[in-house]
Amino acid sequence: MQKNQIYLVAVIEAILFIAFAFQMVTNPSWTNLAILVVLGIGFVQLKDMYDKAKRKEDKNL
């Protein structure tokens, strides 16, 4: 995955995370908590994919 695609996915995930965090504050539920956990795991995976793309780009230069 290219870096610009990773940026796009990260922005979308950040918007979703903010929306569900706000929902969690206004109306706490286990479902919102589960979604926040899944989005948090997604951020960790995105960081790993970004690091791999960066290493690949540096290797090609």
PDB file of N, CA and C in Angstrom:
ATOM      1  N   MET A   1       0.849  -1.174   0.000  1.00  0.00           N
ATOM      2  CA  MET A   1       0.000   0.000   0.000  1.00  0.00           C
ATOM      3  C   MET A   1       0.896   1.239   0.000  1.00  0.00           C
ATOM      4  N   GLN A   2       0.547   2.212  -0.795  1.00  0.00           N
ATOM      5  CA  GLN A   2       1.353   3.418  -0.891  1.00  0.00           C
ATOM      6  C   GLN A   2       1.068   4.344   0.295  1.00  0.00           C
ATOM      7  N   LYS A   3       2.018   5.253   0.542  1.00  0.00           N
ATOM      8  CA  LYS A   3       1.892   6.140   1.690  1.00  0.00           C
ATOM      9  C   LYS A   3       0.657   7.032   1.599  1.00  0.00           C
ATOM     10  N   ASN A   4       0.325   7.528   0.396  1.00  0.00           N
ATOM     11  CA  ASN A   4      -0.841   8.409   0.302  1.00  0.00           C
ATOM     12  C   ASN A   4      -2.139   7.645   0.575  1.00  0.00           C
ATOM     13  N   GLN A   5      -2.199   6.359   0.227  1.00  0.00           N
ATOM     14  CA  GLN A   5      -3.364   5.547   0.557  1.00  0.00           C
ATOM     15  C   GLN A   5      -3.449   5.326   2.062  1.00  0.00           C
ATOM     16  N   ILE A   6      -2.302   5.140   2.688  1.00  0.00           N
ATOM     17  CA  ILE A   6      -2.274   4.950   4.135  1.00  0.00           C
ATOM     18  C   ILE A   6      -2.742   6.218   4.832  1.00  0.00           C
ATOM     19  N   TYR A   7      -2.331   7.389   4.323  1.00  0.00           N
ATOM     20  CA  TYR A   7      -2.798   8.649   4.893  1.00  0.00           C
ATOM     21  C   TYR A   7      -4.312   8.765   4.797  1.00  0.00           C
ATOM     22  N   LEU A   8      -4.885   8.392   3.656  1.00  0.00           N
ATOM     23  CA  LEU A   8      -6.327   8.467   3.460  1.00  0.00           C
ATOM     24  C   LEU A   8      -7.064   7.562   4.441  1.00  0.00           C
ATOM     25  N   VAL A   9      -6.598   6.337   4.589  1.00  0.00           N
ATOM     26  CA  VAL A   9      -7.218   5.403   5.524  1.00  0.00           C
ATOM     27  C   VAL A   9      -7.084   5.920   6.956  1.00  0.00           C
ATOM     28  N   ALA A  10      -5.940   6.495   7.283  1.00  0.00           N
ATOM     29  CA  ALA A  10      -5.731   7.025   8.631  1.00  0.00           C
ATOM     30  C   ALA A  10      -6.681   8.183   8.923  1.00  0.00           C
ATOM     31  N   VAL A  11      -6.899   9.045   7.958  1.00  0.00           N
ATOM     32  CA  VAL A  11      -7.819  10.170   8.163  1.00  0.00           C
ATOM     33  C   VAL A  11      -9.243   9.657   8.372  1.00  0.00           C
ATOM     34  N   ILE A  12      -9.649   8.695   7.569  1.00  0.00           N
ATOM     35  CA  ILE A  12     -10.996   8.133   7.718  1.00  0.00           C
ATOM     36  C   ILE A  12     -11.148   7.451   9.075  1.00  0.00           C
ATOM     37  N   GLU A  13     -10.139   6.692   9.484  1.00  0.00           N
ATOM     38  CA  GLU A  13     -10.194   6.031  10.790  1.00  0.00           C
ATOM     39  C   GLU A  13     -10.193   7.040  11.927  1.00  0.00           C
ATOM     40  N   ALA A  14      -9.454   8.137  11.772  1.00  0.00           N
ATOM     41  CA  ALA A  14      -9.435   9.165  12.809  1.00  0.00           C
ATOM     42  C   ALA A  14     -10.816   9.812  12.947  1.00  0.00           C
ATOM     43  N   ILE A  15     -11.470  10.078  11.829  1.00  0.00           N
ATOM     44  CA  ILE A  15     -12.812  10.662  11.880  1.00  0.00           C
ATOM     45  C   ILE A  15     -13.778   9.698  12.569  1.00  0.00           C
ATOM     46  N   LEU A  16     -13.702   8.423  12.206  1.00  0.00           N
ATOM     47  CA  LEU A  16     -14.560   7.426  12.852  1.00  0.00           C
ATOM     48  C   LEU A  16     -14.259   7.321  14.344  1.00  0.00           C
ATOM     49  N   PHE A  17     -12.967   7.347  14.699  1.00  0.00           N
ATOM     50  CA  PHE A  17     -12.581   7.248  16.106  1.00  0.00           C
ATOM     51  C   PHE A  17     -13.142   8.422  16.908  1.00  0.00           C
ATOM     52  N   ILE A  18     -13.029   9.623  16.354  1.00  0.00           N
ATOM     53  CA  ILE A  18     -13.556  10.813  17.043  1.00  0.00           C
ATOM     54  C   ILE A  18     -15.067  10.712  17.193  1.00  0.00           C
ATOM     55  N   ALA A  19     -15.743  10.270  16.132  1.00  0.00           N
ATOM     56  CA  ALA A  19     -17.201  10.153  16.190  1.00  0.00           C
ATOM     57  C   ALA A  19     -17.638   9.149  17.261  1.00  0.00           C
ATOM     58  N   PHE A  20     -16.980   7.992  17.310  1.00  0.00           N
ATOM     59  CA  PHE A  20     -17.375   6.991  18.292  1.00  0.00           C
ATOM     60  C   PHE A  20     -16.909   7.368  19.698  1.00  0.00           C
ATOM     61  N   ALA A  21     -15.813   8.106  19.815  1.00  0.00           N
ATOM     62  CA  ALA A  21     -15.395   8.586  21.136  1.00  0.00           C
ATOM     63  C   ALA A  21     -16.412   9.578  21.679  1.00  0.00           C
ATOM     64  N   PHE A  22     -16.894  10.468  20.821  1.00  0.00           N
ATOM     65  CA  PHE A  22     -17.942  11.411  21.234  1.00  0.00           C
ATOM     66  C   PHE A  22     -19.212  10.651  21.616  1.00  0.00           C
ATOM     67  N   GLN A  23     -19.559   9.653  20.814  1.00  0.00           N
ATOM     68  CA  GLN A  23     -20.736   8.831  21.110  1.00  0.00           C
ATOM     69  C   GLN A  23     -20.552   8.109  22.442  1.00  0.00           C
ATOM     70  N   MET A  24     -19.332   7.672  22.726  1.00  0.00           N
ATOM     71  CA  MET A  24     -19.051   6.964  23.980  1.00  0.00           C
ATOM     72  C   MET A  24     -19.221   7.904  25.166  1.00  0.00           C
ATOM     73  N   VAL A  25     -18.854   9.170  25.003  1.00  0.00           N
ATOM     74  CA  VAL A  25     -19.001  10.138  26.092  1.00  0.00           C
ATOM     75  C   VAL A  25     -20.472  10.452  26.321  1.00  0.00           C
ATOM     76  N   THR A  26     -21.214  10.640  25.237  1.00  0.00           N
ATOM     77  CA  THR A  26     -22.615  11.037  25.382  1.00  0.00           C
ATOM     78  C   THR A  26     -23.525   9.858  25.714  1.00  0.00           C
ATOM     79  N   ASN A  27     -23.208   8.663  25.206  1.00  0.00           N
ATOM     80  CA  ASN A  27     -24.066   7.500  25.420  1.00  0.00           C
ATOM     81  C   ASN A  27     -23.199   6.246  25.508  1.00  0.00           C
ATOM     82  N   PRO A  28     -22.602   5.991  26.670  1.00  0.00           N
ATOM     83  CA  PRO A  28     -21.676   4.853  26.793  1.00  0.00           C
ATOM     84  C   PRO A  28     -22.377   3.517  26.540  1.00  0.00           C
ATOM     85  N   SER A  29     -21.710   2.656  25.796  1.00  0.00           N
ATOM     86  CA  SER A  29     -22.220   1.302  25.590  1.00  0.00           C
ATOM     87  C   SER A  29     -21.045   0.391  25.254  1.00  0.00           C
ATOM     88  N   TRP A  30     -21.281  -0.899  25.422  1.00  0.00           N
ATOM     89  CA  TRP A  30     -20.238  -1.875  25.131  1.00  0.00           C
ATOM     90  C   TRP A  30     -19.934  -1.913  23.639  1.00  0.00           C
ATOM     91  N   THR A  31     -20.940  -1.662  22.828  1.00  0.00           N
ATOM     92  CA  THR A  31     -20.727  -1.666  21.377  1.00  0.00           C
ATOM     93  C   THR A  31     -19.776  -0.552  20.969  1.00  0.00           C
ATOM     94  N   ASN A  32     -19.979   0.643  21.502  1.00  0.00           N
ATOM     95  CA  ASN A  32     -19.080   1.760  21.195  1.00  0.00           C
ATOM     96  C   ASN A  32     -17.664   1.463  21.669  1.00  0.00           C
ATOM     97  N   LEU A  33     -17.555   0.861  22.843  1.00  0.00           N
ATOM     98  CA  LEU A  33     -16.231   0.510  23.362  1.00  0.00           C
ATOM     99  C   LEU A  33     -15.545  -0.500  22.441  1.00  0.00           C
ATOM    100  N   ALA A  34     -16.291  -1.487  21.973  1.00  0.00           N
ATOM    101  CA  ALA A  34     -15.719  -2.496  21.082  1.00  0.00           C
ATOM    102  C   ALA A  34     -15.260  -1.857  19.772  1.00  0.00           C
ATOM    103  N   ILE A  35     -16.045  -0.939  19.235  1.00  0.00           N
ATOM    104  CA  ILE A  35     -15.667  -0.258  17.993  1.00  0.00           C
ATOM    105  C   ILE A  35     -14.406   0.573  18.208  1.00  0.00           C
ATOM    106  N   LEU A  36     -14.303   1.260  19.347  1.00  0.00           N
ATOM    107  CA  LEU A  36     -13.104   2.052  19.642  1.00  0.00           C
ATOM    108  C   LEU A  36     -11.866   1.153  19.748  1.00  0.00           C
ATOM    109  N   VAL A  37     -12.028  -0.021  20.348  1.00  0.00           N
ATOM    110  CA  VAL A  37     -10.904  -0.949  20.461  1.00  0.00           C
ATOM    111  C   VAL A  37     -10.465  -1.422  19.071  1.00  0.00           C
ATOM    112  N   VAL A  38     -11.433  -1.770  18.231  1.00  0.00           N
ATOM    113  CA  VAL A  38     -11.100  -2.221  16.875  1.00  0.00           C
ATOM    114  C   VAL A  38     -10.417  -1.108  16.086  1.00  0.00           C
ATOM    115  N   LEU A  39     -10.902   0.128  16.212  1.00  0.00           N
ATOM    116  CA  LEU A  39     -10.269   1.249  15.518  1.00  0.00           C
ATOM    117  C   LEU A  39      -8.853   1.495  16.053  1.00  0.00           C
ATOM    118  N   GLY A  40      -8.661   1.325  17.351  1.00  0.00           N
ATOM    119  CA  GLY A  40      -7.324   1.462  17.926  1.00  0.00           C
ATOM    120  C   GLY A  40      -6.362   0.420  17.382  1.00  0.00           C
ATOM    121  N   ILE A  41      -6.842  -0.813  17.242  1.00  0.00           N
ATOM    122  CA  ILE A  41      -6.014  -1.865  16.656  1.00  0.00           C
ATOM    123  C   ILE A  41      -5.702  -1.517  15.201  1.00  0.00           C
ATOM    124  N   GLY A  42      -6.673  -0.938  14.499  1.00  0.00           N
ATOM    125  CA  GLY A  42      -6.462  -0.523  13.113  1.00  0.00           C
ATOM    126  C   GLY A  42      -5.359   0.517  12.998  1.00  0.00           C
ATOM    127  N   PHE A  43      -5.304   1.454  13.974  1.00  0.00           N
ATOM    128  CA  PHE A  43      -4.244   2.459  13.962  1.00  0.00           C
ATOM    129  C   PHE A  43      -2.872   1.810  14.108  1.00  0.00           C
ATOM    130  N   VAL A  44      -2.777   0.823  14.975  1.00  0.00           N
ATOM    131  CA  VAL A  44      -1.500   0.126  15.162  1.00  0.00           C
ATOM    132  C   VAL A  44      -1.089  -0.578  13.875  1.00  0.00           C
ATOM    133  N   GLN A  45      -2.042  -1.220  13.212  1.00  0.00           N
ATOM    134  CA  GLN A  45      -1.738  -1.896  11.956  1.00  0.00           C
ATOM    135  C   GLN A  45      -1.345  -0.894  10.874  1.00  0.00           C
ATOM    136  N   LEU A  46      -2.000   0.270  10.849  1.00  0.00           N
ATOM    137  CA  LEU A  46      -1.643   1.301   9.871  1.00  0.00           C
ATOM    138  C   LEU A  46      -0.227   1.799  10.094  1.00  0.00           C
ATOM    139  N   LYS A  47       0.164   1.946  11.354  1.00  0.00           N
ATOM    140  CA  LYS A  47       1.526   2.391  11.647  1.00  0.00           C
ATOM    141  C   LYS A  47       2.534   1.389  11.104  1.00  0.00           C
ATOM    142  N   ASP A  48       2.254   0.108  11.287  1.00  0.00           N
ATOM    143  CA  ASP A  48       3.148  -0.932  10.765  1.00  0.00           C
ATOM    144  C   ASP A  48       3.212  -0.874   9.239  1.00  0.00           C
ATOM    145  N   MET A  49       2.061  -0.697   8.588  1.00  0.00           N
ATOM    146  CA  MET A  49       2.043  -0.611   7.127  1.00  0.00           C
ATOM    147  C   MET A  49       2.777   0.637   6.649  1.00  0.00           C
ATOM    148  N   TYR A  50       2.647   1.744   7.374  1.00  0.00           N
ATOM    149  CA  TYR A  50       3.345   2.972   7.006  1.00  0.00           C
ATOM    150  C   TYR A  50       4.856   2.778   7.119  1.00  0.00           C
ATOM    151  N   ASP A  51       5.284   2.136   8.207  1.00  0.00           N
ATOM    152  CA  ASP A  51       6.720   1.895   8.388  1.00  0.00           C
ATOM    153  C   ASP A  51       7.286   1.012   7.272  1.00  0.00           C
ATOM    154  N   LYS A  52       6.529   0.000   6.869  1.00  0.00           N
ATOM    155  CA  LYS A  52       6.976  -0.872   5.777  1.00  0.00           C
ATOM    156  C   LYS A  52       7.057  -0.094   4.466  1.00  0.00           C
ATOM    157  N   ALA A  53       6.061   0.741   4.207  1.00  0.00           N
ATOM    158  CA  ALA A  53       6.074   1.533   2.966  1.00  0.00           C
ATOM    159  C   ALA A  53       7.234   2.520   2.965  1.00  0.00           C
ATOM    160  N   LYS A  54       7.517   3.103   4.128  1.00  0.00           N
ATOM    161  CA  LYS A  54       8.621   4.055   4.236  1.00  0.00           C
ATOM    162  C   LYS A  54       9.966   3.354   4.017  1.00  0.00           C
ATOM    163  N   ARG A  55      10.120   2.165   4.621  1.00  0.00           N
ATOM    164  CA  ARG A  55      11.368   1.413   4.427  1.00  0.00           C
ATOM    165  C   ARG A  55      11.531   1.024   2.968  1.00  0.00           C
ATOM    166  N   LYS A  56      10.448   0.616   2.324  1.00  0.00           N
ATOM    167  CA  LYS A  56      10.505   0.225   0.922  1.00  0.00           C
ATOM    168  C   LYS A  56      10.876   1.425   0.057  1.00  0.00           C
ATOM    169  N   GLU A  57      10.316   2.591   0.376  1.00  0.00           N
ATOM    170  CA  GLU A  57      10.627   3.813  -0.371  1.00  0.00           C
ATOM    171  C   GLU A  57      12.088   4.225  -0.169  1.00  0.00           C
ATOM    172  N   ASP A  58      12.560   4.134   1.065  1.00  0.00           N
ATOM    173  CA  ASP A  58      13.960   4.480   1.341  1.00  0.00           C
ATOM    174  C   ASP A  58      14.911   3.495   0.650  1.00  0.00           C
ATOM    175  N   LYS A  59      14.507   2.246   0.581  1.00  0.00           N
ATOM    176  CA  LYS A  59      15.336   1.226  -0.057  1.00  0.00           C
ATOM    177  C   LYS A  59      15.433   1.479  -1.560  1.00  0.00           C
ATOM    178  N   ASN A  60      14.355   1.978  -2.173  1.00  0.00           N
ATOM    179  CA  ASN A  60      14.350   2.254  -3.615  1.00  0.00           C
ATOM    180  C   ASN A  60      15.132   3.503  -3.985  1.00  0.00           C
ATOM    181  N   LEU A  61      15.366   4.387  -3.027  1.00  0.00           N
ATOM    182  CA  LEU A  61      16.116   5.618  -3.329  1.00  0.00           C
ATOM    183  C   LEU A  61      17.567   5.354  -3.343  1.00  0.00           C
TER     184      LEU A  61
END
